Amino acid sequence: MLDVIERLFIPLREKVEWGYLIPYMITGILNEHPRTAMALRNSEDKDRYAEFYDRITTSETLLSK
């Protein structure tokens, strides 16, 4: 089973994004709509999780709600 995962599923995940994604977890924990996570995943910075977290939890962002 591990061999199948290594040979087939890892390369497939490189082509088709599926499974657990950190930005969606962050928006879920913060009780936010996932649209910000969706926007991040469609950007060049899609794997910059700490920057994303900092951006959506700054006082300016929280005050605008």
PDB file of N, CA and C in Angstrom:
ATOM      1  N   MET A   1       0.819  -1.182   0.000  1.00  0.00           N
ATOM      2  CA  MET A   1       0.000   0.000   0.000  1.00  0.00           C
ATOM      3  C   MET A   1       0.874   1.261   0.000  1.00  0.00           C
ATOM      4  N   LEU A   2       1.911   1.267   0.791  1.00  0.00           N
ATOM      5  CA  LEU A   2       2.802   2.423   0.830  1.00  0.00           C
ATOM      6  C   LEU A   2       3.475   2.652  -0.516  1.00  0.00           C
ATOM      7  N   ASP A   3       3.800   1.566  -1.192  1.00  0.00           N
ATOM      8  CA  ASP A   3       4.399   1.680  -2.518  1.00  0.00           C
ATOM      9  C   ASP A   3       3.427   2.341  -3.501  1.00  0.00           C
ATOM     10  N   VAL A   4       2.159   1.959  -3.448  1.00  0.00           N
ATOM     11  CA  VAL A   4       1.141   2.555  -4.317  1.00  0.00           C
ATOM     12  C   VAL A   4       1.006   4.050  -4.023  1.00  0.00           C
ATOM     13  N   ILE A   5       0.964   4.382  -2.753  1.00  0.00           N
ATOM     14  CA  ILE A   5       0.876   5.798  -2.367  1.00  0.00           C
ATOM     15  C   ILE A   5       2.062   6.566  -2.916  1.00  0.00           C
ATOM     16  N   GLU A   6       3.238   6.016  -2.723  1.00  0.00           N
ATOM     17  CA  GLU A   6       4.459   6.692  -3.161  1.00  0.00           C
ATOM     18  C   GLU A   6       4.527   6.828  -4.684  1.00  0.00           C
ATOM     19  N   ARG A   7       4.180   5.789  -5.397  1.00  0.00           N
ATOM     20  CA  ARG A   7       4.305   5.811  -6.859  1.00  0.00           C
ATOM     21  C   ARG A   7       3.162   6.530  -7.560  1.00  0.00           C
ATOM     22  N   LEU A   8       1.944   6.407  -7.026  1.00  0.00           N
ATOM     23  CA  LEU A   8       0.782   6.932  -7.746  1.00  0.00           C
ATOM     24  C   LEU A   8       0.158   8.184  -7.119  1.00  0.00           C
ATOM     25  N   PHE A   9      -0.056   8.153  -5.832  1.00  0.00           N
ATOM     26  CA  PHE A   9      -0.797   9.242  -5.213  1.00  0.00           C
ATOM     27  C   PHE A   9       0.019  10.508  -5.020  1.00  0.00           C
ATOM     28  N   ILE A  10       1.281  10.389  -4.680  1.00  0.00           N
ATOM     29  CA  ILE A  10       2.115  11.585  -4.523  1.00  0.00           C
ATOM     30  C   ILE A  10       2.215  12.346  -5.843  1.00  0.00           C
ATOM     31  N   PRO A  11       2.544  11.690  -6.954  1.00  0.00           N
ATOM     32  CA  PRO A  11       2.565  12.418  -8.239  1.00  0.00           C
ATOM     33  C   PRO A  11       1.182  12.973  -8.621  1.00  0.00           C
ATOM     34  N   LEU A  12       0.116  12.244  -8.312  1.00  0.00           N
ATOM     35  CA  LEU A  12      -1.227  12.714  -8.619  1.00  0.00           C
ATOM     36  C   LEU A  12      -1.540  13.986  -7.839  1.00  0.00           C
ATOM     37  N   ARG A  13      -1.127  14.047  -6.593  1.00  0.00           N
ATOM     38  CA  ARG A  13      -1.388  15.227  -5.777  1.00  0.00           C
ATOM     39  C   ARG A  13      -0.629  16.445  -6.310  1.00  0.00           C
ATOM     40  N   GLU A  14       0.465  16.218  -6.982  1.00  0.00           N
ATOM     41  CA  GLU A  14       1.191  17.317  -7.610  1.00  0.00           C
ATOM     42  C   GLU A  14       0.377  17.924  -8.755  1.00  0.00           C
ATOM     43  N   LYS A  15      -0.426  17.100  -9.418  1.00  0.00           N
ATOM     44  CA  LYS A  15      -1.225  17.553 -10.559  1.00  0.00           C
ATOM     45  C   LYS A  15      -2.610  18.038 -10.155  1.00  0.00           C
ATOM     46  N   VAL A  16      -3.241  17.354  -9.217  1.00  0.00           N
ATOM     47  CA  VAL A  16      -4.605  17.654  -8.792  1.00  0.00           C
ATOM     48  C   VAL A  16      -4.584  17.941  -7.297  1.00  0.00           C
ATOM     49  N   GLU A  17      -4.935  19.175  -6.934  1.00  0.00           N
ATOM     50  CA  GLU A  17      -4.909  19.541  -5.515  1.00  0.00           C
ATOM     51  C   GLU A  17      -6.106  18.927  -4.798  1.00  0.00           C
ATOM     52  N   TRP A  18      -5.846  18.119  -3.785  1.00  0.00           N
ATOM     53  CA  TRP A  18      -6.891  17.495  -3.009  1.00  0.00           C
ATOM     54  C   TRP A  18      -6.333  17.177  -1.627  1.00  0.00           C
ATOM     55  N   GLY A  19      -7.205  16.905  -0.714  1.00  0.00           N
ATOM     56  CA  GLY A  19      -6.791  16.557   0.639  1.00  0.00           C
ATOM     57  C   GLY A  19      -6.747  17.768   1.548  1.00  0.00           C
ATOM     58  N   TYR A  20      -6.175  17.598   2.691  1.00  0.00           N
ATOM     59  CA  TYR A  20      -6.109  18.600   3.738  1.00  0.00           C
ATOM     60  C   TYR A  20      -5.214  19.759   3.319  1.00  0.00           C
ATOM     61  N   LEU A  21      -5.721  20.997   3.423  1.00  0.00           N
ATOM     62  CA  LEU A  21      -4.949  22.181   3.067  1.00  0.00           C
ATOM     63  C   LEU A  21      -4.938  23.165   4.237  1.00  0.00           C
ATOM     64  N   ILE A  22      -3.765  23.602   4.616  1.00  0.00           N
ATOM     65  CA  ILE A  22      -3.576  24.473   5.774  1.00  0.00           C
ATOM     66  C   ILE A  22      -4.396  25.765   5.699  1.00  0.00           C
ATOM     67  N   PRO A  23      -4.447  26.481   4.579  1.00  0.00           N
ATOM     68  CA  PRO A  23      -5.234  27.717   4.564  1.00  0.00           C
ATOM     69  C   PRO A  23      -6.713  27.506   4.906  1.00  0.00           C
ATOM     70  N   TYR A  24      -7.280  26.393   4.487  1.00  0.00           N
ATOM     71  CA  TYR A  24      -8.674  26.097   4.828  1.00  0.00           C
ATOM     72  C   TYR A  24      -8.812  25.801   6.315  1.00  0.00           C
ATOM     73  N   MET A  25      -7.817  25.169   6.898  1.00  0.00           N
ATOM     74  CA  MET A  25      -7.824  24.919   8.336  1.00  0.00           C
ATOM     75  C   MET A  25      -7.773  26.242   9.097  1.00  0.00           C
ATOM     76  N   ILE A  26      -6.936  27.158   8.635  1.00  0.00           N
ATOM     77  CA  ILE A  26      -6.800  28.459   9.302  1.00  0.00           C
ATOM     78  C   ILE A  26      -8.125  29.212   9.271  1.00  0.00           C
ATOM     79  N   THR A  27      -8.760  29.290   8.102  1.00  0.00           N
ATOM     80  CA  THR A  27     -10.027  30.016   8.037  1.00  0.00           C
ATOM     81  C   THR A  27     -11.105  29.309   8.856  1.00  0.00           C
ATOM     82  N   GLY A  28     -11.069  28.006   8.921  1.00  0.00           N
ATOM     83  CA  GLY A  28     -12.037  27.267   9.740  1.00  0.00           C
ATOM     84  C   GLY A  28     -11.870  27.550  11.219  1.00  0.00           C
ATOM     85  N   ILE A  29     -10.637  27.537  11.692  1.00  0.00           N
ATOM     86  CA  ILE A  29     -10.365  27.827  13.100  1.00  0.00           C
ATOM     87  C   ILE A  29     -10.813  29.235  13.465  1.00  0.00           C
ATOM     88  N   LEU A  30     -10.623  30.169  12.535  1.00  0.00           N
ATOM     89  CA  LEU A  30     -10.992  31.562  12.785  1.00  0.00           C
ATOM     90  C   LEU A  30     -12.461  31.844  12.470  1.00  0.00           C
ATOM     91  N   ASN A  31     -13.221  30.799  12.115  1.00  0.00           N
ATOM     92  CA  ASN A  31     -14.637  30.928  11.788  1.00  0.00           C
ATOM     93  C   ASN A  31     -14.864  31.936  10.668  1.00  0.00           C
ATOM     94  N   GLU A  32     -13.999  31.863   9.656  1.00  0.00           N
ATOM     95  CA  GLU A  32     -14.066  32.757   8.496  1.00  0.00           C
ATOM     96  C   GLU A  32     -14.547  31.981   7.275  1.00  0.00           C
ATOM     97  N   HIS A  33     -15.154  32.681   6.351  1.00  0.00           N
ATOM     98  CA  HIS A  33     -15.528  32.063   5.076  1.00  0.00           C
ATOM     99  C   HIS A  33     -14.237  31.668   4.360  1.00  0.00           C
ATOM    100  N   PRO A  34     -14.201  30.544   3.671  1.00  0.00           N
ATOM    101  CA  PRO A  34     -12.964  30.096   3.028  1.00  0.00           C
ATOM    102  C   PRO A  34     -12.556  30.886   1.787  1.00  0.00           C
ATOM    103  N   ARG A  35     -13.278  31.961   1.432  1.00  0.00           N
ATOM    104  CA  ARG A  35     -12.925  32.706   0.209  1.00  0.00           C
ATOM    105  C   ARG A  35     -11.498  33.243   0.262  1.00  0.00           C
ATOM    106  N   THR A  36     -11.011  33.622   1.459  1.00  0.00           N
ATOM    107  CA  THR A  36      -9.626  34.114   1.536  1.00  0.00           C
ATOM    108  C   THR A  36      -8.633  32.984   1.296  1.00  0.00           C
ATOM    109  N   ALA A  37      -8.953  31.798   1.784  1.00  0.00           N
ATOM    110  CA  ALA A  37      -8.092  30.637   1.526  1.00  0.00           C
ATOM    111  C   ALA A  37      -8.117  30.280   0.043  1.00  0.00           C
ATOM    112  N   MET A  38      -9.286  30.373  -0.572  1.00  0.00           N
ATOM    113  CA  MET A  38      -9.398  30.095  -2.005  1.00  0.00           C
ATOM    114  C   MET A  38      -8.547  31.067  -2.812  1.00  0.00           C
ATOM    115  N   ALA A  39      -8.599  32.335  -2.437  1.00  0.00           N
ATOM    116  CA  ALA A  39      -7.806  33.354  -3.137  1.00  0.00           C
ATOM    117  C   ALA A  39      -6.314  33.073  -2.970  1.00  0.00           C
ATOM    118  N   LEU A  40      -5.910  32.683  -1.773  1.00  0.00           N
ATOM    119  CA  LEU A  40      -4.498  32.356  -1.545  1.00  0.00           C
ATOM    120  C   LEU A  40      -4.074  31.180  -2.414  1.00  0.00           C
ATOM    121  N   ARG A  41      -4.880  30.132  -2.470  1.00  0.00           N
ATOM    122  CA  ARG A  41      -4.522  28.940  -3.239  1.00  0.00           C
ATOM    123  C   ARG A  41      -4.439  29.238  -4.736  1.00  0.00           C
ATOM    124  N   ASN A  42      -5.086  30.308  -5.188  1.00  0.00           N
ATOM    125  CA  ASN A  42      -5.016  30.691  -6.601  1.00  0.00           C
ATOM    126  C   ASN A  42      -3.914  31.704  -6.884  1.00  0.00           C
ATOM    127  N   SER A  43      -3.088  31.998  -5.896  1.00  0.00           N
ATOM    128  CA  SER A  43      -2.026  32.980  -6.065  1.00  0.00           C
ATOM    129  C   SER A  43      -0.657  32.304  -6.125  1.00  0.00           C
ATOM    130  N   GLU A  44       0.347  33.103  -6.436  1.00  0.00           N
ATOM    131  CA  GLU A  44       1.720  32.578  -6.453  1.00  0.00           C
ATOM    132  C   GLU A  44       2.233  32.284  -5.045  1.00  0.00           C
ATOM    133  N   ASP A  45       1.611  32.889  -4.045  1.00  0.00           N
ATOM    134  CA  ASP A  45       2.029  32.700  -2.647  1.00  0.00           C
ATOM    135  C   ASP A  45       1.239  31.603  -1.951  1.00  0.00           C
ATOM    136  N   LYS A  46       0.721  30.642  -2.700  1.00  0.00           N
ATOM    137  CA  LYS A  46      -0.216  29.668  -2.165  1.00  0.00           C
ATOM    138  C   LYS A  46       0.298  28.822  -1.000  1.00  0.00           C
ATOM    139  N   ASP A  47       1.590  28.741  -0.809  1.00  0.00           N
ATOM    140  CA  ASP A  47       2.136  27.937   0.293  1.00  0.00           C
ATOM    141  C   ASP A  47       2.771  28.785   1.389  1.00  0.00           C
ATOM    142  N   ARG A  48       2.472  30.052   1.426  1.00  0.00           N
ATOM    143  CA  ARG A  48       3.029  30.949   2.450  1.00  0.00           C
ATOM    144  C   ARG A  48       2.025  31.081   3.587  1.00  0.00           C
ATOM    145  N   TYR A  49       1.942  30.023   4.390  1.00  0.00           N
ATOM    146  CA  TYR A  49       0.912  29.908   5.416  1.00  0.00           C
ATOM    147  C   TYR A  49       1.059  30.925   6.546  1.00  0.00           C
ATOM    148  N   ALA A  50       2.265  31.133   7.027  1.00  0.00           N
ATOM    149  CA  ALA A  50       2.464  32.070   8.150  1.00  0.00           C
ATOM    150  C   ALA A  50       2.092  33.492   7.732  1.00  0.00           C
ATOM    151  N   GLU A  51       2.481  33.876   6.539  1.00  0.00           N
ATOM    152  CA  GLU A  51       2.139  35.215   6.028  1.00  0.00           C
ATOM    153  C   GLU A  51       0.621  35.358   5.878  1.00  0.00           C
ATOM    154  N   PHE A  52      -0.021  34.318   5.377  1.00  0.00           N
ATOM    155  CA  PHE A  52      -1.478  34.314   5.237  1.00  0.00           C
ATOM    156  C   PHE A  52      -2.141  34.478   6.603  1.00  0.00           C
ATOM    157  N   TYR A  53      -1.700  33.703   7.571  1.00  0.00           N
ATOM    158  CA  TYR A  53      -2.258  33.781   8.926  1.00  0.00           C
ATOM    159  C   TYR A  53      -2.083  35.180   9.501  1.00  0.00           C
ATOM    160  N   ASP A  54      -0.882  35.718   9.378  1.00  0.00           N
ATOM    161  CA  ASP A  54      -0.616  37.063   9.891  1.00  0.00           C
ATOM    162  C   ASP A  54      -1.509  38.103   9.208  1.00  0.00           C
ATOM    163  N   ARG A  55      -1.689  37.968   7.918  1.00  0.00           N
ATOM    164  CA  ARG A  55      -2.490  38.930   7.179  1.00  0.00           C
ATOM    165  C   ARG A  55      -3.959  38.903   7.613  1.00  0.00           C
ATOM    166  N   ILE A  56      -4.522  37.721   7.821  1.00  0.00           N
ATOM    167  CA  ILE A  56      -5.940  37.681   8.151  1.00  0.00           C
ATOM    168  C   ILE A  56      -6.215  37.856   9.645  1.00  0.00           C
ATOM    169  N   THR A  57      -5.174  37.919  10.455  1.00  0.00           N
ATOM    170  CA  THR A  57      -5.387  38.131  11.890  1.00  0.00           C
ATOM    171  C   THR A  57      -4.857  39.471  12.385  1.00  0.00           C
ATOM    172  N   THR A  58      -4.440  40.351  11.482  1.00  0.00           N
ATOM    173  CA  THR A  58      -3.972  41.669  11.917  1.00  0.00           C
ATOM    174  C   THR A  58      -5.143  42.480  12.429  1.00  0.00           C
ATOM    175  N   SER A  59      -4.877  43.444  13.277  1.00  0.00           N
ATOM    176  CA  SER A  59      -5.931  44.257  13.855  1.00  0.00           C
ATOM    177  C   SER A  59      -6.698  45.038  12.782  1.00  0.00           C
ATOM    178  N   GLU A  60      -6.035  45.460  11.707  1.00  0.00           N
ATOM    179  CA  GLU A  60      -6.724  46.182  10.632  1.00  0.00           C
ATOM    180  C   GLU A  60      -7.783  45.282   9.977  1.00  0.00           C
ATOM    181  N   THR A  61      -7.436  44.026   9.766  1.00  0.00           N
ATOM    182  CA  THR A  61      -8.366  43.099   9.147  1.00  0.00           C
ATOM    183  C   THR A  61      -9.534  42.810  10.086  1.00  0.00           C
ATOM    184  N   LEU A  62      -9.233  42.614  11.348  1.00  0.00           N
ATOM    185  CA  LEU A  62     -10.275  42.300  12.317  1.00  0.00           C
ATOM    186  C   LEU A  62     -11.204  43.483  12.547  1.00  0.00           C
ATOM    187  N   LEU A  63     -10.677  44.699  12.517  1.00  0.00           N
ATOM    188  CA  LEU A  63     -11.491  45.885  12.731  1.00  0.00           C
ATOM    189  C   LEU A  63     -12.423  46.175  11.561  1.00  0.00           C
ATOM    190  N   SER A  64     -12.075  45.705  10.376  1.00  0.00           N
ATOM    191  CA  SER A  64     -12.893  45.995   9.210  1.00  0.00           C
ATOM    192  C   SER A  64     -14.156  45.130   9.167  1.00  0.00           C
ATOM    193  N   LYS A  65     -14.302  44.195  10.071  1.00  0.00           N
ATOM    194  CA  LYS A  65     -15.468  43.292  10.077  1.00  0.00           C
ATOM    195  C   LYS A  65     -16.609  43.887  10.822  1.00  0.00           C
TER     196      LYS A  65
END
